[in-house]
Amino acid sequence: MAITEQGLQLAQTIRHCLDEYVDIYVSEKLVPNEEAKKKMQVHTFGKLSEAVTKNFQAYEGLIFVMATGIVVRTIAPLLQDKLTDPAVVVFDEQGKHGISLLSGHVGGANELTRQICQAIGAGAVITTATDINEKLAPDALATRLGLRPWPKVRIKTMNAGLLEGRKLHWRIDRTLPHSVFYKRKLEQYGQWADLCVPSQLLAVLPEEKEQLEVVIIGERQLPELADLPKNILCLTPRRLIAGVGCRRGTPAALVMSALDTACRMIGRDRSFIDELASTIVKKHEAGIVYAGDSLVRPVKFYDNDKMEKMIEVHQLEESDFVKENIGIGNVCEAAAYCSVGDKGGRLALRKTNFEKVTVALLWEK
């Protein structure tokens, strides 16, 4: 979002530097007419506050090119929770500095700030204590691993303990489907992790009371908060939704191949998929139905009205060709957002085209 000519120029530069599709919102004063608006591929607003209110939860990240004070006053009434608020990053108009302002870890603002700053040659301003002290915080790792922290209050406990120099130990429920994957990834990040039987996960020996413990556990196995030892933070796997669209009569082999490749693009395999989603128009499409059967995962089909709402809420890019054929211009992303519903989601892979198939991958928040 930008409010000046110079800000708009930097916003366009940032758009060209990111792999993801970036929408640009600018003050209507900068765009003389509809023709210019179309040529510049921008959205316009009369009041910044109205544009931010409308789009705050529509995007995973908001990048402002303007003074930080303006941004703080604008987003303040909209803040809810560090686990659900979007990433907010602020750049000055000259692109000298990028500030990770909100949701640095779970929302990914720190990573987004570094990514853009590296691309445009700006200085990254990261103020989260664990980052400036070069400590890998468990909530930051949770985002990378597709895990959800619980309870929120323990995040502060863990990060404060890390800054005090206390050791962090990870316990992973060895009965989880991807326990070995989590252990291998954590060890790549230099973490100390053990695979444990369920009875060991929440048991704290007297000599371990001062040790920080992060436990990767299934959501159904979470204890009551009163029963959780004070030195433990739990992380539970998020659901991964695969939104799928395809041309009529697409063979199952092409659908499965697209899912395989899409998952590899985010460092996973197709066994991580928890649910497939598509449009009701594809309810009898054999390739999609077979993919669900093969993965032993449910396939949910949604009607156009629900998907149209998600397209509007999340400002999803539409294809004129698809819209002409089935009535809506986005299938895979819209269907995935329908699957997570009010919980919301974070796109791991935007709509990606494969042979006769499109796939989007979405982590449930």
Protein backbone atom coordinates (compact mmCIF):
# COMPACT_ATOMS: atom_id res chain seq x y z
CA MET A 1 0.00 0.00 0.00
CA ALA A 2 1.33 3.41 -0.96
CA ILE A 3 0.09 6.99 -0.74
CA THR A 4 2.72 8.90 -2.75
CA GLU A 5 4.23 8.70 -6.23
CA GLN A 6 7.62 7.65 -4.87
CA GLY A 7 5.94 5.06 -2.67
CA LEU A 8 4.11 3.65 -5.69
CA GLN A 9 7.39 3.29 -7.59
CA LEU A 10 8.93 1.30 -4.74
CA ALA A 11 5.78 -0.83 -4.44
CA GLN A 12 6.09 -1.75 -8.12
CA THR A 13 9.76 -2.63 -7.61
CA ILE A 14 8.85 -4.89 -4.68
CA ARG A 15 6.19 -6.60 -6.78
CA HIS A 16 8.80 -7.48 -9.40
CA CYS A 17 11.14 -8.88 -6.73
CA LEU A 18 8.73 -11.38 -5.16
CA ASP A 19 7.76 -14.78 -6.52
CA GLU A 20 4.24 -14.47 -5.09
CA TYR A 21 1.56 -12.41 -6.80
CA VAL A 22 1.41 -8.95 -5.21
CA ASP A 23 -1.59 -6.61 -5.27
CA ILE A 24 -0.81 -2.90 -5.07
CA TYR A 25 -3.23 -0.44 -3.44
CA VAL A 26 -2.58 3.28 -3.97
CA SER A 27 -4.30 6.56 -3.27
CA GLU A 28 -6.77 7.40 -6.04
CA LYS A 29 -5.00 10.77 -6.32
CA LEU A 30 -2.07 9.01 -7.99
CA VAL A 31 -4.11 7.37 -10.76
CA PRO A 32 -5.81 9.82 -13.13
CA ASN A 33 -8.30 7.43 -14.75
CA GLU A 34 -9.47 3.82 -15.23
CA GLU A 35 -7.18 3.34 -18.21
CA ALA A 36 -4.11 4.23 -16.14
CA LYS A 37 -5.35 2.04 -13.31
CA LYS A 38 -5.59 -0.94 -15.65
CA LYS A 39 -2.22 -0.25 -17.26
CA MET A 40 -0.47 0.06 -13.88
CA GLN A 41 -2.33 -2.99 -12.49
CA VAL A 42 -3.25 -1.32 -9.22
CA HIS A 43 -6.26 -0.97 -6.93
CA THR A 44 -7.16 2.49 -5.65
CA PHE A 45 -8.62 3.83 -2.41
CA GLY A 46 -10.01 7.11 -1.17
CA LYS A 47 -9.07 6.60 2.48
CA LEU A 48 -6.16 4.44 3.61
CA SER A 49 -7.96 3.40 6.80
CA GLU A 50 -10.90 2.01 4.83
CA ALA A 51 -8.64 0.05 2.48
CA VAL A 52 -6.68 -1.43 5.39
CA THR A 53 -9.81 -2.37 7.33
CA LYS A 54 -11.25 -4.15 4.29
CA ASN A 55 -8.06 -6.05 3.49
CA PHE A 56 -6.39 -6.65 6.85
CA GLN A 57 -7.46 -10.29 7.08
CA ALA A 58 -7.62 -10.84 3.31
CA TYR A 59 -3.86 -11.12 2.92
CA GLU A 60 -1.11 -13.07 4.68
CA GLY A 61 1.17 -10.05 4.55
CA LEU A 62 0.71 -6.29 4.18
CA ILE A 63 3.62 -4.15 2.97
CA PHE A 64 3.29 -0.41 3.58
CA VAL A 65 5.48 2.16 1.82
CA MET A 66 5.01 5.16 4.08
CA ALA A 67 5.82 6.51 7.54
CA THR A 68 5.64 3.95 10.35
CA GLY A 69 3.49 6.25 12.48
CA ILE A 70 0.75 6.29 9.86
CA VAL A 71 0.79 2.48 9.74
CA VAL A 72 0.68 2.07 13.53
CA ARG A 73 -2.32 4.36 13.91
CA THR A 74 -4.12 2.68 11.00
CA ILE A 75 -3.72 -0.97 12.05
CA ALA A 76 -4.05 -0.48 15.82
CA PRO A 77 -7.87 -0.97 15.97
CA LEU A 78 -7.60 -4.15 13.87
CA LEU A 79 -5.11 -6.14 15.94
CA GLN A 80 -6.40 -9.38 17.45
CA ASP A 81 -3.85 -12.09 18.15
CA LYS A 82 -0.19 -12.80 17.35
CA LEU A 83 -1.18 -16.24 16.08
CA THR A 84 -3.71 -14.91 13.55
CA ASP A 85 -2.73 -11.32 12.63
CA PRO A 86 -1.07 -10.99 9.21
CA ALA A 87 2.56 -10.03 8.73
CA VAL A 88 3.01 -6.25 8.53
CA VAL A 89 6.15 -4.75 7.01
CA VAL A 90 6.93 -1.05 6.53
CA PHE A 91 9.36 0.56 4.06
CA ASP A 92 10.37 4.18 3.75
CA GLU A 93 9.72 5.72 0.32
CA GLN A 94 13.38 5.61 -0.72
CA GLY A 95 13.69 1.94 0.15
CA LYS A 96 16.54 2.44 2.59
CA HIS A 97 14.98 0.47 5.45
CA GLY A 98 12.39 -2.28 5.85
CA ILE A 99 10.80 -2.73 9.27
CA SER A 100 9.21 -5.96 10.47
CA LEU A 101 6.38 -4.37 12.44
CA LEU A 102 3.88 -7.12 13.29
CA SER A 103 3.73 -10.95 13.46
CA GLY A 104 7.46 -11.38 13.01
CA HIS A 105 7.57 -15.09 13.84
CA VAL A 106 4.25 -16.88 13.36
CA GLY A 107 3.05 -14.47 10.67
CA GLY A 108 6.38 -14.51 8.86
CA ALA A 109 7.05 -10.75 8.85
CA ASN A 110 10.73 -11.15 9.75
CA GLU A 111 11.33 -13.54 6.88
CA LEU A 112 9.36 -11.35 4.45
CA THR A 113 11.33 -8.28 5.52
CA ARG A 114 14.67 -10.01 4.97
CA GLN A 115 13.53 -11.36 1.60
CA ILE A 116 12.49 -7.95 0.24
CA CYS A 117 15.44 -6.08 1.75
CA GLN A 118 17.88 -8.49 0.16
CA ALA A 119 16.17 -8.04 -3.21
CA ILE A 120 16.11 -4.22 -3.19
CA GLY A 121 19.27 -3.55 -1.19
CA ALA A 122 17.56 -2.14 1.91
CA GLY A 123 18.54 -2.51 5.55
CA ALA A 124 16.31 -4.94 7.47
CA VAL A 125 15.07 -3.69 10.84
CA ILE A 126 14.20 -6.73 12.99
CA THR A 127 13.47 -6.01 16.64
CA THR A 128 12.31 -9.35 18.05
CA ALA A 129 14.72 -10.14 20.88
CA THR A 130 15.45 -13.73 19.89
CA ASP A 131 16.39 -12.67 16.35
CA ILE A 132 18.74 -9.87 17.32
CA ASN A 133 20.40 -12.25 19.81
CA GLU A 134 20.61 -14.93 17.10
CA LYS A 135 18.39 -17.39 18.95
CA LEU A 136 16.02 -19.63 16.99
CA ALA A 137 12.65 -19.13 18.67
CA PRO A 138 10.29 -22.13 18.75
CA ASP A 139 7.36 -20.12 17.37
CA ALA A 140 9.51 -19.13 14.37
CA LEU A 141 10.44 -22.77 13.80
CA ALA A 142 6.78 -23.74 14.19
CA THR A 143 5.90 -21.63 11.14
CA ARG A 144 8.63 -23.26 9.06
CA LEU A 145 7.48 -26.74 10.08
CA GLY A 146 3.73 -26.19 9.63
CA LEU A 147 2.99 -26.40 13.36
CA ARG A 148 0.63 -24.44 15.64
CA PRO A 149 1.91 -23.23 19.07
CA TRP A 150 -0.19 -23.81 22.22
CA PRO A 151 -0.75 -22.21 24.65
CA LYS A 152 0.14 -18.73 23.43
CA VAL A 153 1.29 -17.58 26.86
CA ARG A 154 4.13 -20.14 26.81
CA ILE A 155 5.70 -18.60 23.71
CA LYS A 156 6.84 -15.68 25.85
CA THR A 157 8.14 -18.09 28.50
CA MET A 158 10.21 -20.02 25.95
CA ASN A 159 11.68 -16.96 24.27
CA ALA A 160 12.52 -15.27 27.56
CA GLY A 161 14.22 -18.47 28.73
CA LEU A 162 16.27 -18.66 25.55
CA LEU A 163 17.49 -15.10 26.08
CA GLU A 164 18.53 -16.05 29.61
CA GLY A 165 20.71 -18.80 28.15
CA ARG A 166 18.54 -21.74 29.18
CA LYS A 167 18.64 -24.89 27.07
CA LEU A 168 15.80 -25.85 24.77
CA HIS A 169 14.90 -29.50 24.25
CA TRP A 170 12.38 -30.87 21.76
CA ARG A 171 10.25 -33.96 22.33
CA ILE A 172 8.37 -35.46 19.39
CA ASP A 173 5.54 -37.97 19.67
CA ARG A 174 7.00 -40.91 17.77
CA THR A 175 3.48 -42.10 16.88
CA LEU A 176 2.82 -38.97 14.76
CA PRO A 177 2.77 -39.76 11.01
CA HIS A 178 5.72 -37.44 10.25
CA SER A 179 7.70 -37.62 13.49
CA VAL A 180 10.96 -38.55 11.73
CA PHE A 181 10.54 -35.60 9.34
CA TYR A 182 10.20 -33.16 12.26
CA LYS A 183 13.25 -34.62 14.02
CA ARG A 184 15.38 -34.43 10.89
CA LYS A 185 14.33 -30.83 10.17
CA LEU A 186 14.95 -29.70 13.75
CA GLU A 187 18.42 -31.23 13.73
CA GLN A 188 19.15 -29.35 10.49
CA TYR A 189 18.32 -26.17 12.41
CA GLY A 190 20.74 -27.20 15.15
CA GLN A 191 18.07 -28.24 17.66
CA TRP A 192 18.24 -31.06 20.21
CA ALA A 193 15.27 -33.38 19.58
CA ASP A 194 14.17 -36.82 20.76
CA LEU A 195 11.45 -39.17 19.56
CA CYS A 196 9.39 -40.19 22.59
CA VAL A 197 6.56 -42.56 23.40
CA PRO A 198 3.35 -40.71 24.36
CA SER A 199 3.77 -41.34 28.10
CA GLN A 200 7.12 -39.50 28.09
CA LEU A 201 5.99 -36.35 26.26
CA LEU A 202 4.62 -34.35 29.19
CA ALA A 203 6.52 -36.03 32.02
CA VAL A 204 9.07 -33.70 33.63
CA LEU A 205 11.70 -35.16 35.94
CA PRO A 206 12.93 -33.06 38.90
CA GLU A 207 16.26 -32.39 37.18
CA GLU A 208 14.42 -31.17 34.05
CA LYS A 209 12.30 -28.46 35.67
CA GLU A 210 14.66 -25.67 34.59
CA GLN A 211 14.95 -27.03 31.06
CA LEU A 212 12.71 -25.57 28.37
CA GLU A 213 10.71 -28.30 26.63
CA VAL A 214 8.89 -28.00 23.31
CA VAL A 215 6.60 -30.94 22.59
CA ILE A 216 5.28 -31.83 19.12
CA ILE A 217 2.04 -33.64 19.78
CA GLY A 218 -1.30 -34.38 18.09
CA GLU A 219 -4.07 -31.88 18.80
CA ARG A 220 -6.29 -34.55 20.33
CA GLN A 221 -3.57 -35.40 22.84
CA LEU A 222 -3.26 -31.87 24.23
CA PRO A 223 -3.77 -31.78 28.01
CA GLU A 224 -5.81 -29.27 29.98
CA LEU A 225 -3.84 -26.08 30.50
CA ALA A 226 -3.85 -26.63 34.28
CA ASP A 227 -2.17 -30.01 33.75
CA LEU A 228 0.60 -28.73 31.48
CA PRO A 229 3.98 -28.26 33.23
CA LYS A 230 5.09 -24.63 33.20
CA ASN A 231 8.28 -25.31 31.24
CA ILE A 232 6.49 -26.91 28.25
CA LEU A 233 5.20 -25.38 25.01
CA CYS A 234 3.16 -27.66 22.74
CA LEU A 235 3.15 -27.57 18.95
CA THR A 236 0.49 -29.39 16.95
CA PRO A 237 0.54 -30.13 13.20
CA ARG A 238 -1.57 -27.79 11.09
CA ARG A 239 -3.83 -29.31 8.44
CA LEU A 240 -2.52 -28.97 4.89
CA ILE A 241 -5.27 -28.45 2.33
CA ALA A 242 -4.71 -29.09 -1.37
CA GLY A 243 -7.03 -27.05 -3.58
CA VAL A 244 -7.28 -28.71 -6.99
CA GLY A 245 -8.68 -27.70 -10.37
CA CYS A 246 -8.37 -29.56 -13.65
CA ARG A 247 -9.65 -29.73 -17.20
CA ARG A 248 -12.51 -32.08 -17.97
CA GLY A 249 -11.40 -35.70 -18.31
CA THR A 250 -7.91 -35.17 -16.87
CA PRO A 251 -6.33 -38.56 -16.05
CA ALA A 252 -5.74 -39.41 -12.40
CA ALA A 253 -2.02 -39.83 -13.12
CA LEU A 254 -1.73 -36.13 -14.02
CA VAL A 255 -3.60 -35.07 -10.87
CA MET A 256 -1.35 -37.22 -8.68
CA SER A 257 1.76 -35.97 -10.46
CA ALA A 258 0.67 -32.35 -9.91
CA LEU A 259 0.07 -33.00 -6.21
CA ASP A 260 3.48 -34.68 -5.89
CA THR A 261 5.29 -31.78 -7.53
CA ALA A 262 3.35 -29.14 -5.60
CA CYS A 263 4.22 -30.77 -2.27
CA ARG A 264 7.89 -31.07 -3.23
CA MET A 265 7.88 -27.34 -3.97
CA ILE A 266 7.20 -26.67 -0.27
CA GLY A 267 9.58 -29.36 0.98
CA ARG A 268 6.94 -31.99 1.71
CA ASP A 269 5.52 -35.10 0.08
CA ARG A 270 1.88 -35.84 -0.68
CA SER A 271 1.41 -37.80 2.56
CA PHE A 272 1.26 -34.41 4.34
CA ILE A 273 -2.00 -33.52 2.57
CA ASP A 274 -4.95 -33.77 4.97
CA GLU A 275 -7.77 -32.86 2.61
CA LEU A 276 -8.44 -32.10 -1.05
CA ALA A 277 -10.84 -29.37 -2.14
CA SER A 278 -12.38 -28.35 -5.45
CA THR A 279 -15.49 -26.92 -7.08
CA ILE A 280 -18.82 -28.76 -7.13
CA VAL A 281 -18.51 -28.64 -10.92
CA LYS A 282 -15.72 -31.24 -10.60
CA LYS A 283 -17.60 -33.54 -8.22
CA HIS A 284 -17.63 -36.37 -10.74
CA GLU A 285 -14.16 -35.74 -12.13
CA ALA A 286 -12.55 -39.18 -11.88
CA GLY A 287 -8.97 -37.87 -11.58
CA ILE A 288 -9.74 -35.80 -8.47
CA VAL A 289 -11.93 -38.47 -6.87
CA TYR A 290 -9.23 -41.10 -7.47
CA ALA A 291 -6.58 -38.84 -5.93
CA GLY A 292 -8.61 -38.62 -2.72
CA ASP A 293 -9.14 -42.38 -2.67
CA SER A 294 -5.47 -43.07 -3.36
CA LEU A 295 -4.31 -40.76 -0.56
CA VAL A 296 -7.12 -41.98 1.74
CA ARG A 297 -8.07 -38.35 2.29
CA PRO A 298 -11.49 -36.65 2.07
CA VAL A 299 -12.31 -34.56 -0.99
CA LYS A 300 -14.62 -31.59 -0.37
CA PHE A 301 -16.51 -29.90 -3.20
CA TYR A 302 -17.88 -26.37 -2.79
CA ASP A 303 -20.55 -24.45 -4.68
CA ASN A 304 -19.82 -21.28 -6.61
CA ASP A 305 -21.46 -18.95 -4.08
CA LYS A 306 -19.13 -20.02 -1.26
CA MET A 307 -16.08 -19.90 -3.50
CA GLU A 308 -17.04 -16.50 -4.91
CA LYS A 309 -17.15 -15.18 -1.36
CA MET A 310 -13.61 -16.46 -0.71
CA ILE A 311 -12.39 -14.89 -3.94
CA GLU A 312 -13.74 -11.55 -2.76
CA VAL A 313 -12.59 -11.81 0.87
CA HIS A 314 -9.04 -12.92 -0.01
CA GLN A 315 -8.76 -10.82 -3.19
CA LEU A 316 -7.84 -13.90 -5.24
CA GLU A 317 -6.62 -13.53 -8.80
CA GLU A 318 -9.17 -14.79 -11.35
CA SER A 319 -8.84 -16.33 -14.80
CA ASP A 320 -11.28 -15.07 -17.43
CA PHE A 321 -11.14 -18.44 -19.21
CA VAL A 322 -12.06 -20.39 -16.06
CA LYS A 323 -14.80 -17.90 -15.17
CA GLU A 324 -16.35 -18.24 -18.60
CA ASN A 325 -16.43 -22.04 -18.31
CA ILE A 326 -17.57 -22.67 -14.72
CA GLY A 327 -18.84 -19.31 -13.45
CA ILE A 328 -15.96 -18.41 -11.09
CA GLY A 329 -12.41 -17.41 -11.96
CA ASN A 330 -10.43 -19.19 -9.25
CA VAL A 331 -10.87 -22.81 -8.19
CA CYS A 332 -7.91 -24.22 -6.28
CA GLU A 333 -7.19 -21.30 -3.92
CA ALA A 334 -10.86 -20.49 -3.31
CA ALA A 335 -11.71 -24.14 -2.58
CA ALA A 336 -8.80 -24.45 -0.14
CA TYR A 337 -9.97 -21.34 1.74
CA CYS A 338 -13.49 -22.82 1.86
CA SER A 339 -12.04 -25.92 3.57
CA VAL A 340 -10.45 -23.98 6.43
CA GLY A 341 -13.49 -21.70 6.84
CA ASP A 342 -13.43 -19.27 9.74
CA LYS A 343 -10.13 -20.66 11.07
CA GLY A 344 -8.38 -19.03 8.15
CA GLY A 345 -5.32 -20.20 6.30
CA ARG A 346 -1.85 -19.29 5.11
CA LEU A 347 -0.94 -20.17 1.53
CA ALA A 348 2.10 -22.39 1.33
CA LEU A 349 1.86 -22.50 -2.46
CA ARG A 350 -0.19 -20.11 -4.55
CA LYS A 351 -2.16 -21.32 -7.55
CA THR A 352 0.37 -23.19 -9.69
CA ASN A 353 -0.24 -24.55 -13.16
CA PHE A 354 0.75 -28.07 -14.12
CA GLU A 355 -0.26 -30.15 -17.14
CA LYS A 356 -4.09 -29.79 -17.22
CA VAL A 357 -4.11 -29.31 -13.43
CA THR A 358 -3.84 -26.37 -11.01
CA VAL A 359 -2.90 -26.82 -7.35
CA ALA A 360 -2.74 -24.52 -4.33
CA LEU A 361 -1.54 -25.61 -0.89
CA LEU A 362 -2.87 -23.94 2.26
CA TRP A 363 -1.87 -24.39 5.91
CA GLU A 364 -4.82 -24.03 8.26
CA LYS A 365 -4.17 -21.33 10.88
